[in-house]
C-alpha atoms as a PDB file:
ATOM      1  CA  MET A   1       0.000   0.000   0.000  1.00  0.00           C
ATOM      2  CA  LEU A   2       1.254   3.436  -0.915  1.00  0.00           C
ATOM      3  CA  ARG A   3       0.449   6.613   0.949  1.00  0.00           C
ATOM      4  CA  ARG A   4       1.339  10.301   0.615  1.00  0.00           C
ATOM      5  CA  ILE A   5       2.359  12.277   3.675  1.00  0.00           C
ATOM      6  CA  THR A   6       0.308  15.471   3.751  1.00  0.00           C
ATOM      7  CA  LYS A   7      -0.141  16.458   7.400  1.00  0.00           C
ATOM      8  CA  HIS A   8       2.173  18.939   9.076  1.00  0.00           C
ATOM      9  CA  SER A   9       2.329  16.768  12.198  1.00  0.00           C
ATOM     10  CA  GLU A  10       3.727  13.884  10.136  1.00  0.00           C
ATOM     11  CA  TYR A  11       6.408  16.105   8.617  1.00  0.00           C
ATOM     12  CA  LEU A  12       7.462  17.204  12.121  1.00  0.00           C
ATOM     13  CA  GLU A  13       8.379  13.597  12.943  1.00  0.00           C
ATOM     14  CA  PHE A  14      11.217  13.848  10.420  1.00  0.00           C
ATOM     15  CA  SER A  15      13.158  16.206  12.712  1.00  0.00           C
ATOM     16  CA  SER A  16      15.049  13.145  13.998  1.00  0.00           C
ATOM     17  CA  PRO A  17      15.038  10.564  11.183  1.00  0.00           C
ATOM     18  CA  ASP A  18      16.365   7.016  11.504  1.00  0.00           C
ATOM     19  CA  LEU A  19      18.317   7.163   8.247  1.00  0.00           C
ATOM     20  CA  PHE A  20      19.547   9.783   5.753  1.00  0.00           C
ATOM     21  CA  LEU A  21      19.875   9.119   2.028  1.00  0.00           C
ATOM     22  CA  ARG A  22      21.501  11.463  -0.474  1.00  0.00           C
ATOM     23  CA  SER A  23      21.733  11.703  -4.219  1.00  0.00           C
ATOM     24  CA  ASP A  24      22.889  14.487  -6.512  1.00  0.00           C
ATOM     25  CA  HIS A  25      19.573  16.351  -6.480  1.00  0.00           C
ATOM     26  CA  PHE A  26      17.660  14.854  -3.549  1.00  0.00           C
ATOM     27  CA  TYR A  27      18.033  14.394   0.163  1.00  0.00           C
ATOM     28  CA  ALA A  28      15.778  11.858   1.888  1.00  0.00           C
ATOM     29  CA  ALA A  29      14.994  11.527   5.566  1.00  0.00           C
ATOM     30  CA  VAL A  30      13.730   8.034   6.395  1.00  0.00           C
ATOM     31  CA  LEU A  31      11.721   6.770   9.338  1.00  0.00           C
ATOM     32  CA  TYR A  32      11.053   3.090   9.960  1.00  0.00           C
ATOM     33  CA  SER A  33       7.343   2.394  10.107  1.00  0.00           C
ATOM     34  CA  PRO A  34       5.425  -0.803  10.862  1.00  0.00           C
ATOM     35  CA  CYS A  35       2.904  -0.146   8.094  1.00  0.00           C
ATOM     36  CA  GLU A  36       2.897   0.793   4.413  1.00  0.00           C
ATOM     37  CA  PHE A  37       5.345   2.906   2.423  1.00  0.00           C
ATOM     38  CA  ALA A  38       4.634   6.635   2.765  1.00  0.00           C
ATOM     39  CA  LEU A  39       6.216   9.487   0.817  1.00  0.00           C
ATOM     40  CA  GLY A  40       6.363  13.179   1.636  1.00  0.00           C
ATOM     41  CA  ILE A  41       7.662  15.730  -0.856  1.00  0.00           C
ATOM     42  CA  THR A  42       9.411  18.937   0.183  1.00  0.00           C
ATOM     43  CA  ILE A  43      10.396  21.429  -2.500  1.00  0.00           C
ATOM     44  CA  GLY A  44      11.693  24.837  -1.445  1.00  0.00           C
ATOM     45  CA  LYS A  45      11.711  28.098  -3.360  1.00  0.00           C
ATOM     46  CA  LYS A  46      15.393  27.716  -4.227  1.00  0.00           C
ATOM     47  CA  ILE A  47      14.384  25.041  -6.733  1.00  0.00           C
ATOM     48  CA  GLY A  48      12.589  27.501  -8.993  1.00  0.00           C
ATOM     49  CA  LYS A  49       9.382  29.372  -9.596  1.00  0.00           C
ATOM     50  CA  ALA A  50       6.001  27.894  -8.698  1.00  0.00           C
ATOM     51  CA  HIS A  51       5.422  26.222 -12.063  1.00  0.00           C
ATOM     52  CA  VAL A  52       8.799  24.459 -11.826  1.00  0.00           C
ATOM     53  CA  ARG A  53       8.116  23.260  -8.270  1.00  0.00           C
ATOM     54  CA  ASN A  54       4.622  22.068  -9.192  1.00  0.00           C
ATOM     55  CA  LEU A  55       5.900  20.197 -12.242  1.00  0.00           C
ATOM     56  CA  LEU A  56       8.564  18.498 -10.117  1.00  0.00           C
ATOM     57  CA  LYS A  57       5.947  17.439  -7.539  1.00  0.00           C
ATOM     58  CA  ARG A  58       3.702  16.010 -10.258  1.00  0.00           C
ATOM     59  CA  ARG A  59       6.615  14.096 -11.752  1.00  0.00           C
ATOM     60  CA  ILE A  60       7.627  12.665  -8.368  1.00  0.00           C
ATOM     61  CA  LYS A  61       4.019  11.567  -7.753  1.00  0.00           C
ATOM     62  CA  ALA A  62       3.909   9.944 -11.218  1.00  0.00           C
ATOM     63  CA  TRP A  63       7.167   8.112 -10.506  1.00  0.00           C
ATOM     64  CA  MET A  64       5.732   6.921  -7.189  1.00  0.00           C
ATOM     65  CA  GLN A  65       2.670   5.500  -8.971  1.00  0.00           C
ATOM     66  CA  LEU A  66       4.846   3.742 -11.557  1.00  0.00           C
ATOM     67  CA  ARG A  67       7.069   2.181  -8.893  1.00  0.00           C
ATOM     68  CA  SER A  68       4.315   1.447  -6.344  1.00  0.00           C
ATOM     69  CA  GLN A  69       4.807  -2.331  -6.524  1.00  0.00           C
ATOM     70  CA  ASP A  70       8.601  -2.105  -6.144  1.00  0.00           C
ATOM     71  CA  LEU A  71       8.786   0.217  -3.123  1.00  0.00           C
ATOM     72  CA  PRO A  72       9.356  -1.656   0.149  1.00  0.00           C
ATOM     73  CA  ASN A  73       6.857  -1.425   2.987  1.00  0.00           C
ATOM     74  CA  GLY A  74       7.979  -0.322   6.423  1.00  0.00           C
ATOM     75  CA  PHE A  75       9.350   3.120   5.561  1.00  0.00           C
ATOM     76  CA  ARG A  76       8.212   6.724   5.645  1.00  0.00           C
ATOM     77  CA  LEU A  77      10.343   8.866   3.383  1.00  0.00           C
ATOM     78  CA  ASN A  78      10.499  12.657   3.149  1.00  0.00           C
ATOM     79  CA  LEU A  79      12.041  13.491  -0.215  1.00  0.00           C
ATOM     80  CA  ILE A  80      13.652  16.945  -0.190  1.00  0.00           C
ATOM     81  CA  ALA A  81      14.621  18.490  -3.524  1.00  0.00           C
ATOM     82  CA  ARG A  82      18.003  20.175  -3.797  1.00  0.00           C
ATOM     83  CA  PRO A  83      19.024  22.872  -6.295  1.00  0.00           C
ATOM     84  CA  GLY A  84      19.025  21.588  -9.863  1.00  0.00           C
ATOM     85  CA  ALA A  85      16.231  19.046  -9.319  1.00  0.00           C
ATOM     86  CA  GLY A  86      13.732  21.200 -11.202  1.00  0.00           C
ATOM     87  CA  GLU A  87      15.916  21.137 -14.310  1.00  0.00           C
ATOM     88  CA  LEU A  88      16.029  17.331 -14.613  1.00  0.00           C
ATOM     89  CA  ALA A  89      14.396  15.642 -17.577  1.00  0.00           C
ATOM     90  CA  TRP A  90      11.891  12.867 -16.849  1.00  0.00           C
ATOM     91  CA  LYS A  91      14.395  10.075 -17.580  1.00  0.00           C
ATOM     92  CA  GLU A  92      17.087  11.640 -15.370  1.00  0.00           C
ATOM     93  CA  LEU A  93      14.565  12.212 -12.585  1.00  0.00           C
ATOM     94  CA  CYS A  94      13.432   8.573 -12.699  1.00  0.00           C
ATOM     95  CA  GLU A  95      17.030   7.336 -12.612  1.00  0.00           C
ATOM     96  CA  GLU A  96      17.836   9.499  -9.608  1.00  0.00           C
ATOM     97  CA  LEU A  97      14.705   8.509  -7.692  1.00  0.00           C
ATOM     98  CA  ASN A  98      15.398   4.845  -8.482  1.00  0.00           C
ATOM     99  CA  LYS A  99      18.862   5.275  -6.946  1.00  0.00           C
ATOM    100  CA  VAL A 100      17.325   6.722  -3.774  1.00  0.00           C
ATOM    101  CA  ALA A 101      14.813   3.853  -3.600  1.00  0.00           C
ATOM    102  CA  ALA A 102      17.610   1.314  -4.103  1.00  0.00           C
ATOM    103  CA  LEU A 103      19.433   2.708  -1.045  1.00  0.00           C
ATOM    104  CA  LEU A 104      16.541   1.748   1.231  1.00  0.00           C
ATOM    105  CA  PRO A 105      17.304  -1.322   3.352  1.00  0.00           C
ATOM    106  CA  GLN A 106      15.443  -4.394   2.097  1.00  0.00           C
ATOM    107  CA  GLY A 107      15.226  -6.299   5.392  1.00  0.00           C
ATOM    108  CA  SER A 108      12.145  -4.583   6.886  1.00  0.00           C
END
């Protein structure tokens, strides 16, 4: 089961994550969770104007739907975009997000 993190109170739990993952354009804070995989998306104004940030969010959500069967349960992930993420093409974005997903431990 896949779930999006949307509540402010859930984002506050990421102040002390269990694991940190990094890629060239993303930083991910990970919390272990006994239930389904959950993804939060944080994109700051340094990434670009509103249309760039919104496009990046839509692309990340689309990637999440495509990979829903492959993402391991037992994690809550807050994906934070870093400068340059808004300039990635779809293929590059998918490759980078796949790298972040591959760094998640598989034992949970």
